[in-house]
Amino acid sequence: RHRIIASVKNFKSLDKALESQVGAAV
């Protein structure tokens, strides 16, 4: 359903990953 896997390397991308429709996060 959600073909994007978020790569969280800083706090800004942490917030983006939490707000987005991602399949998973690293």
PDB file of all heavy atoms in Angstrom:
ATOM      1  N   ARG A   1       0.818  -1.219   0.000  1.00  0.00           N
ATOM      2  CA  ARG A   1       0.000   0.000   0.000  1.00  0.00           C
ATOM      3  C   ARG A   1       0.849   1.266   0.000  1.00  0.00           C
ATOM      4  O   ARG A   1       0.542   2.241  -0.668  1.00  0.00           O
ATOM      5  CB  ARG A   1      -0.929   0.015   1.219  1.00  0.00           C
ATOM      6  CG  ARG A   1      -2.107  -0.902   1.129  1.00  0.00           C
ATOM      7  CD  ARG A   1      -3.129  -0.643   2.234  1.00  0.00           C
ATOM      8  NE  ARG A   1      -2.553  -0.399   3.534  1.00  0.00           N
ATOM      9  CZ  ARG A   1      -2.353  -1.347   4.472  1.00  0.00           C
ATOM     10  NH1 ARG A   1      -2.666  -2.584   4.240  1.00  0.00           N
ATOM     11  NH2 ARG A   1      -1.845  -1.024   5.639  1.00  0.00           N
ATOM     12  N   HIS A   2       1.904   1.262   0.815  1.00  0.00           N
ATOM     13  CA  HIS A   2       2.766   2.439   0.985  1.00  0.00           C
ATOM     14  C   HIS A   2       4.186   2.016   0.618  1.00  0.00           C
ATOM     15  O   HIS A   2       4.899   1.460   1.436  1.00  0.00           O
ATOM     16  CB  HIS A   2       2.727   2.948   2.423  1.00  0.00           C
ATOM     17  CG  HIS A   2       1.354   3.152   2.971  1.00  0.00           C
ATOM     18  ND1 HIS A   2       0.540   4.173   2.569  1.00  0.00           N
ATOM     19  CD2 HIS A   2       0.637   2.434   3.873  1.00  0.00           C
ATOM     20  CE1 HIS A   2      -0.612   4.095   3.213  1.00  0.00           C
ATOM     21  NE2 HIS A   2      -0.574   3.047   4.001  1.00  0.00           N
ATOM     22  N   ARG A   3       4.590   2.313  -0.572  1.00  0.00           N
ATOM     23  CA  ARG A   3       5.843   1.792  -1.118  1.00  0.00           C
ATOM     24  C   ARG A   3       7.074   2.615  -0.757  1.00  0.00           C
ATOM     25  O   ARG A   3       8.137   2.404  -1.320  1.00  0.00           O
ATOM     26  CB  ARG A   3       5.727   1.662  -2.620  1.00  0.00           C
ATOM     27  CG  ARG A   3       4.730   0.600  -3.000  1.00  0.00           C
ATOM     28  CD  ARG A   3       4.669   0.432  -4.485  1.00  0.00           C
ATOM     29  NE  ARG A   3       3.792  -0.681  -4.787  1.00  0.00           N
ATOM     30  CZ  ARG A   3       4.214  -1.810  -5.302  1.00  0.00           C
ATOM     31  NH1 ARG A   3       5.485  -1.970  -5.578  1.00  0.00           N
ATOM     32  NH2 ARG A   3       3.370  -2.784  -5.547  1.00  0.00           N
ATOM     33  N   ILE A   4       6.949   3.528   0.165  1.00  0.00           N
ATOM     34  CA  ILE A   4       8.083   4.351   0.579  1.00  0.00           C
ATOM     35  C   ILE A   4       8.557   3.884   1.958  1.00  0.00           C
ATOM     36  O   ILE A   4       7.754   3.717   2.875  1.00  0.00           O
ATOM     37  CB  ILE A   4       7.705   5.840   0.631  1.00  0.00           C
ATOM     38  CG1 ILE A   4       7.323   6.317  -0.762  1.00  0.00           C
ATOM     39  CG2 ILE A   4       8.839   6.670   1.219  1.00  0.00           C
ATOM     40  CD1 ILE A   4       6.774   7.725  -0.797  1.00  0.00           C
ATOM     41  N   ILE A   5       9.867   3.701   2.091  1.00  0.00           N
ATOM     42  CA  ILE A   5      10.477   3.403   3.388  1.00  0.00           C
ATOM     43  C   ILE A   5      11.295   4.629   3.768  1.00  0.00           C
ATOM     44  O   ILE A   5      12.218   5.020   3.043  1.00  0.00           O
ATOM     45  CB  ILE A   5      11.360   2.143   3.336  1.00  0.00           C
ATOM     46  CG1 ILE A   5      10.500   0.934   2.987  1.00  0.00           C
ATOM     47  CG2 ILE A   5      12.076   1.948   4.664  1.00  0.00           C
ATOM     48  CD1 ILE A   5      11.271  -0.354   2.812  1.00  0.00           C
ATOM     49  N   ALA A   6      10.934   5.236   4.879  1.00  0.00           N
ATOM     50  CA  ALA A   6      11.597   6.468   5.321  1.00  0.00           C
ATOM     51  C   ALA A   6      12.944   6.146   5.952  1.00  0.00           C
ATOM     52  O   ALA A   6      13.055   5.214   6.751  1.00  0.00           O
ATOM     53  CB  ALA A   6      10.722   7.199   6.327  1.00  0.00           C
ATOM     54  N   SER A   7      13.954   6.925   5.600  1.00  0.00           N
ATOM     55  CA  SER A   7      15.264   6.832   6.229  1.00  0.00           C
ATOM     56  C   SER A   7      15.405   8.050   7.135  1.00  0.00           C
ATOM     57  O   SER A   7      15.549   9.177   6.661  1.00  0.00           O
ATOM     58  CB  SER A   7      16.361   6.823   5.175  1.00  0.00           C
ATOM     59  OG  SER A   7      17.623   6.819   5.796  1.00  0.00           O
ATOM     60  N   VAL A   8      15.336   7.836   8.433  1.00  0.00           N
ATOM     61  CA  VAL A   8      15.326   8.931   9.400  1.00  0.00           C
ATOM     62  C   VAL A   8      16.750   9.167   9.895  1.00  0.00           C
ATOM     63  O   VAL A   8      17.290   8.385  10.668  1.00  0.00           O
ATOM     64  CB  VAL A   8      14.373   8.621  10.576  1.00  0.00           C
ATOM     65  CG1 VAL A   8      14.372   9.751  11.575  1.00  0.00           C
ATOM     66  CG2 VAL A   8      12.972   8.338  10.057  1.00  0.00           C
ATOM     67  N   LYS A   9      17.347  10.287   9.412  1.00  0.00           N
ATOM     68  CA  LYS A   9      18.728  10.606   9.751  1.00  0.00           C
ATOM     69  C   LYS A   9      18.861  11.850  10.609  1.00  0.00           C
ATOM     70  O   LYS A   9      19.943  12.163  11.087  1.00  0.00           O
ATOM     71  CB  LYS A   9      19.540  10.788   8.470  1.00  0.00           C
ATOM     72  CG  LYS A   9      19.607   9.525   7.643  1.00  0.00           C
ATOM     73  CD  LYS A   9      20.382   9.760   6.378  1.00  0.00           C
ATOM     74  CE  LYS A   9      20.410   8.503   5.538  1.00  0.00           C
ATOM     75  NZ  LYS A   9      21.093   8.699   4.272  1.00  0.00           N
ATOM     76  N   ASN A  10      17.758  12.588  10.776  1.00  0.00           N
ATOM     77  CA  ASN A  10      17.772  13.770  11.632  1.00  0.00           C
ATOM     78  C   ASN A  10      16.356  14.000  12.166  1.00  0.00           C
ATOM     79  O   ASN A  10      15.412  13.337  11.745  1.00  0.00           O
ATOM     80  CB  ASN A  10      18.306  14.998  10.886  1.00  0.00           C
ATOM     81  CG  ASN A  10      17.535  15.276   9.622  1.00  0.00           C
ATOM     82  OD1 ASN A  10      16.301  15.298   9.623  1.00  0.00           O
ATOM     83  ND2 ASN A  10      18.247  15.488   8.531  1.00  0.00           N
ATOM     84  N   PHE A  11      16.218  14.937  13.079  1.00  0.00           N
ATOM     85  CA  PHE A  11      14.925  15.148  13.725  1.00  0.00           C
ATOM     86  C   PHE A  11      13.873  15.707  12.772  1.00  0.00           C
ATOM     87  O   PHE A  11      12.694  15.429  12.927  1.00  0.00           O
ATOM     88  CB  PHE A  11      15.081  16.051  14.949  1.00  0.00           C
ATOM     89  CG  PHE A  11      15.904  15.401  16.021  1.00  0.00           C
ATOM     90  CD1 PHE A  11      17.191  15.817  16.267  1.00  0.00           C
ATOM     91  CD2 PHE A  11      15.384  14.346  16.757  1.00  0.00           C
ATOM     92  CE1 PHE A  11      17.958  15.198  17.243  1.00  0.00           C
ATOM     93  CE2 PHE A  11      16.136  13.723  17.727  1.00  0.00           C
ATOM     94  CZ  PHE A  11      17.429  14.152  17.976  1.00  0.00           C
ATOM     95  N   LYS A  12      14.298  16.476  11.786  1.00  0.00           N
ATOM     96  CA  LYS A  12      13.350  16.998  10.799  1.00  0.00           C
ATOM     97  C   LYS A  12      12.708  15.852  10.014  1.00  0.00           C
ATOM     98  O   LYS A  12      11.500  15.835   9.790  1.00  0.00           O
ATOM     99  CB  LYS A  12      14.069  17.963   9.859  1.00  0.00           C
ATOM    100  CG  LYS A  12      13.166  18.658   8.884  1.00  0.00           C
ATOM    101  CD  LYS A  12      13.968  19.646   8.042  1.00  0.00           C
ATOM    102  CE  LYS A  12      13.078  20.328   7.035  1.00  0.00           C
ATOM    103  NZ  LYS A  12      13.835  21.261   6.189  1.00  0.00           N
ATOM    104  N   SER A  13      13.526  14.890   9.611  1.00  0.00           N
ATOM    105  CA  SER A  13      12.977  13.751   8.864  1.00  0.00           C
ATOM    106  C   SER A  13      12.171  12.819   9.770  1.00  0.00           C
ATOM    107  O   SER A  13      11.294  12.106   9.287  1.00  0.00           O
ATOM    108  CB  SER A  13      14.082  12.985   8.132  1.00  0.00           C
ATOM    109  OG  SER A  13      15.041  12.486   9.012  1.00  0.00           O
ATOM    110  N   LEU A  14      12.423  12.852  11.074  1.00  0.00           N
ATOM    111  CA  LEU A  14      11.617  12.073  12.020  1.00  0.00           C
ATOM    112  C   LEU A  14      10.176  12.570  11.987  1.00  0.00           C
ATOM    113  O   LEU A  14       9.242  11.775  11.843  1.00  0.00           O
ATOM    114  CB  LEU A  14      12.190  12.182  13.434  1.00  0.00           C
ATOM    115  CG  LEU A  14      11.404  11.478  14.532  1.00  0.00           C
ATOM    116  CD1 LEU A  14      11.659   9.988  14.505  1.00  0.00           C
ATOM    117  CD2 LEU A  14      11.780  12.054  15.877  1.00  0.00           C
ATOM    118  N   ASP A  15       9.995  13.873  12.067  1.00  0.00           N
ATOM    119  CA  ASP A  15       8.649  14.454  12.009  1.00  0.00           C
ATOM    120  C   ASP A  15       7.975  14.178  10.668  1.00  0.00           C
ATOM    121  O   ASP A  15       6.799  13.831  10.618  1.00  0.00           O
ATOM    122  CB  ASP A  15       8.697  15.968  12.256  1.00  0.00           C
ATOM    123  CG  ASP A  15       9.033  16.313  13.695  1.00  0.00           C
ATOM    124  OD1 ASP A  15       8.766  15.478  14.582  1.00  0.00           O
ATOM    125  OD2 ASP A  15       9.545  17.424  13.926  1.00  0.00           O
ATOM    126  N   LYS A  16       8.725  14.324   9.585  1.00  0.00           N
ATOM    127  CA  LYS A  16       8.160  14.067   8.252  1.00  0.00           C
ATOM    128  C   LYS A  16       7.705  12.621   8.120  1.00  0.00           C
ATOM    129  O   LYS A  16       6.643  12.347   7.571  1.00  0.00           O
ATOM    130  CB  LYS A  16       9.187  14.371   7.165  1.00  0.00           C
ATOM    131  CG  LYS A  16       9.272  15.790   6.763  1.00  0.00           C
ATOM    132  CD  LYS A  16      10.243  15.899   5.602  1.00  0.00           C
ATOM    133  CE  LYS A  16       9.997  17.144   4.819  1.00  0.00           C
ATOM    134  NZ  LYS A  16      10.898  17.253   3.681  1.00  0.00           N
ATOM    135  N   ALA A  17       8.513  11.687   8.597  1.00  0.00           N
ATOM    136  CA  ALA A  17       8.173  10.262   8.494  1.00  0.00           C
ATOM    137  C   ALA A  17       6.930   9.936   9.314  1.00  0.00           C
ATOM    138  O   ALA A  17       6.091   9.142   8.887  1.00  0.00           O
ATOM    139  CB  ALA A  17       9.349   9.405   8.948  1.00  0.00           C
ATOM    140  N   LEU A  18       6.796  10.560  10.466  1.00  0.00           N
ATOM    141  CA  LEU A  18       5.627  10.306  11.319  1.00  0.00           C
ATOM    142  C   LEU A  18       4.353  10.864  10.695  1.00  0.00           C
ATOM    143  O   LEU A  18       3.273  10.312  10.898  1.00  0.00           O
ATOM    144  CB  LEU A  18       5.832  10.901  12.711  1.00  0.00           C
ATOM    145  CG  LEU A  18       6.839  10.162  13.591  1.00  0.00           C
ATOM    146  CD1 LEU A  18       7.172  10.995  14.825  1.00  0.00           C
ATOM    147  CD2 LEU A  18       6.309   8.806  13.984  1.00  0.00           C
ATOM    148  N   GLU A  19       4.462  11.943   9.934  1.00  0.00           N
ATOM    149  CA  GLU A  19       3.294  12.580   9.331  1.00  0.00           C
ATOM    150  C   GLU A  19       2.945  12.004   7.958  1.00  0.00           C
ATOM    151  O   GLU A  19       1.852  12.230   7.460  1.00  0.00           O
ATOM    152  CB  GLU A  19       3.549  14.090   9.198  1.00  0.00           C
ATOM    153  CG  GLU A  19       3.694  14.786  10.532  1.00  0.00           C
ATOM    154  CD  GLU A  19       4.198  16.207  10.395  1.00  0.00           C
ATOM    155  OE1 GLU A  19       4.431  16.666   9.252  1.00  0.00           O
ATOM    156  OE2 GLU A  19       4.375  16.863  11.424  1.00  0.00           O
ATOM    157  N   SER A  20       3.855  11.274   7.341  1.00  0.00           N
ATOM    158  CA  SER A  20       3.657  10.764   5.984  1.00  0.00           C
ATOM    159  C   SER A  20       3.082   9.354   5.996  1.00  0.00           C
ATOM    160  O   SER A  20       3.091   8.666   7.007  1.00  0.00           O
ATOM    161  CB  SER A  20       4.997  10.741   5.248  1.00  0.00           C
ATOM    162  OG  SER A  20       5.557  12.017   5.209  1.00  0.00           O
ATOM    163  N   GLN A  21       2.611   8.948   4.836  1.00  0.00           N
ATOM    164  CA  GLN A  21       2.140   7.586   4.637  1.00  0.00           C
ATOM    165  C   GLN A  21       3.318   6.752   4.134  1.00  0.00           C
ATOM    166  O   GLN A  21       3.535   6.647   2.931  1.00  0.00           O
ATOM    167  CB  GLN A  21       0.991   7.561   3.630  1.00  0.00           C
ATOM    168  CG  GLN A  21      -0.267   8.222   4.127  1.00  0.00           C
ATOM    169  CD  GLN A  21      -0.900   7.424   5.254  1.00  0.00           C
ATOM    170  OE1 GLN A  21      -0.918   6.215   5.230  1.00  0.00           O
ATOM    171  NE2 GLN A  21      -1.416   8.122   6.243  1.00  0.00           N
ATOM    172  N   VAL A  22       4.086   6.203   5.044  1.00  0.00           N
ATOM    173  CA  VAL A  22       5.239   5.384   4.677  1.00  0.00           C
ATOM    174  C   VAL A  22       4.970   3.932   5.037  1.00  0.00           C
ATOM    175  O   VAL A  22       4.190   3.628   5.934  1.00  0.00           O
ATOM    176  CB  VAL A  22       6.534   5.877   5.357  1.00  0.00           C
ATOM    177  CG1 VAL A  22       6.902   7.272   4.868  1.00  0.00           C
ATOM    178  CG2 VAL A  22       6.426   5.854   6.862  1.00  0.00           C
ATOM    179  N   GLY A  23       5.642   3.033   4.331  1.00  0.00           N
ATOM    180  CA  GLY A  23       5.482   1.613   4.595  1.00  0.00           C
ATOM    181  C   GLY A  23       6.236   1.171   5.829  1.00  0.00           C
ATOM    182  O   GLY A  23       5.807   0.274   6.555  1.00  0.00           O
ATOM    183  N   ALA A  24       7.373   1.808   6.085  1.00  0.00           N
ATOM    184  CA  ALA A  24       8.207   1.486   7.235  1.00  0.00           C
ATOM    185  C   ALA A  24       9.208   2.625   7.407  1.00  0.00           C
ATOM    186  O   ALA A  24       9.273   3.542   6.578  1.00  0.00           O
ATOM    187  CB  ALA A  24       8.931   0.161   7.031  1.00  0.00           C
ATOM    188  N   ALA A  25       9.984   2.548   8.478  1.00  0.00           N
ATOM    189  CA  ALA A  25      11.006   3.562   8.734  1.00  0.00           C
ATOM    190  C   ALA A  25      12.262   2.887   9.262  1.00  0.00           C
ATOM    191  O   ALA A  25      12.194   1.895   9.983  1.00  0.00           O
ATOM    192  CB  ALA A  25      10.513   4.596   9.739  1.00  0.00           C
ATOM    193  N   VAL A  26      13.415   3.454   8.879  1.00  0.00           N
ATOM    194  CA  VAL A  26      14.703   3.011   9.394  1.00  0.00           C
ATOM    195  C   VAL A  26      15.300   4.184  10.156  1.00  0.00           C
ATOM    196  O   VAL A  26      15.519   5.258   9.591  1.00  0.00           O
ATOM    197  CB  VAL A  26      15.656   2.581   8.248  1.00  0.00           C
ATOM    198  CG1 VAL A  26      17.012   2.179   8.816  1.00  0.00           C
ATOM    199  CG2 VAL A  26      15.046   1.451   7.447  1.00  0.00           C
TER     200      VAL A  26
END
